Amino acid sequence: MAIILRLDRVMADRKMSLKELSERVGVANVNLSKLKTGKVSAVRFSTLEAICDVLDCQPGDILEYKRDD
């Protein structure tokens, strides 16, 4: 997979649980869990914006592109 999700790292840096993030973002815990583990094929910009707002980060802190070898 060329897109690497770093949500778990950013959450750990902010000492925020998945439950707290879910409540503050307004997205179901199960959906954020899938995003955190990389088991999604898409994310809405509105969701990404809300996550970045709550975690005080940039989209690039959560998403990373790595070229396939």
Protein backbone atom coordinates (compact mmCIF):
# COMPACT_ATOMS: atom_id res chain seq x y z
CA MET A 1 0.00 0.00 0.00
CA ALA A 2 1.48 3.35 -1.01
CA ILE A 3 -0.45 5.43 1.56
CA ILE A 4 0.65 4.88 5.15
CA LEU A 5 -1.64 5.97 7.97
CA ARG A 6 0.02 7.46 11.05
CA LEU A 7 -3.11 8.22 13.07
CA ASP A 8 -2.02 5.93 15.90
CA ARG A 9 1.29 7.77 16.25
CA VAL A 10 -0.33 11.22 16.31
CA MET A 11 -2.92 10.03 18.84
CA ALA A 12 -0.16 8.62 21.05
CA ASP A 13 1.78 11.89 20.84
CA ARG A 14 -1.35 13.74 21.99
CA LYS A 15 -2.15 11.08 24.60
CA MET A 16 -5.65 10.71 23.18
CA SER A 17 -7.65 7.51 23.18
CA LEU A 18 -9.69 6.29 20.23
CA LYS A 19 -12.85 6.74 22.32
CA GLU A 20 -12.04 10.37 23.10
CA LEU A 21 -11.12 11.15 19.49
CA SER A 22 -14.32 9.50 18.29
CA GLU A 23 -16.44 11.59 20.65
CA ARG A 24 -14.70 14.85 19.79
CA VAL A 25 -14.69 14.26 16.02
CA GLY A 26 -18.23 12.90 15.90
CA VAL A 27 -17.32 9.74 13.98
CA ALA A 28 -18.16 6.22 15.11
CA ASN A 29 -15.44 4.49 17.09
CA VAL A 30 -15.44 1.54 14.67
CA ASN A 31 -14.83 3.84 11.69
CA LEU A 32 -11.89 5.57 13.36
CA SER A 33 -10.54 2.17 14.36
CA LYS A 34 -10.58 1.10 10.70
CA LEU A 35 -8.85 4.32 9.73
CA LYS A 36 -6.25 3.84 12.45
CA THR A 37 -5.44 0.30 11.29
CA GLY A 38 -5.45 1.17 7.60
CA LYS A 39 -8.50 -0.94 6.74
CA VAL A 40 -10.18 1.80 4.72
CA SER A 41 -9.92 2.72 1.07
CA ALA A 42 -11.14 6.30 1.44
CA VAL A 43 -11.57 9.08 3.96
CA ARG A 44 -13.82 12.11 3.62
CA PHE A 45 -12.12 15.48 3.67
CA SER A 46 -14.61 16.61 6.31
CA THR A 47 -13.54 13.72 8.55
CA LEU A 48 -9.85 14.41 7.93
CA GLU A 49 -10.43 18.08 8.68
CA ALA A 50 -12.19 17.27 11.97
CA ILE A 51 -9.43 14.86 13.01
CA CYS A 52 -6.76 17.44 12.25
CA ASP A 53 -8.68 20.09 14.17
CA VAL A 54 -9.05 17.90 17.27
CA LEU A 55 -5.46 16.60 17.16
CA ASP A 56 -4.04 20.02 16.17
CA CYS A 57 -2.09 18.53 13.29
CA GLN A 58 -1.75 18.67 9.51
CA PRO A 59 -3.04 15.98 7.11
CA GLY A 60 0.59 15.14 6.33
CA ASP A 61 1.09 14.17 9.97
CA ILE A 62 -1.54 11.44 9.53
CA LEU A 63 -1.04 10.41 5.90
CA GLU A 64 2.25 9.53 4.26
CA TYR A 65 2.92 8.51 0.67
CA LYS A 66 5.56 5.86 0.06
CA ARG A 67 6.40 4.87 -3.48
CA ASP A 68 6.05 1.15 -4.16
CA ASP A 69 9.34 -0.50 -5.07
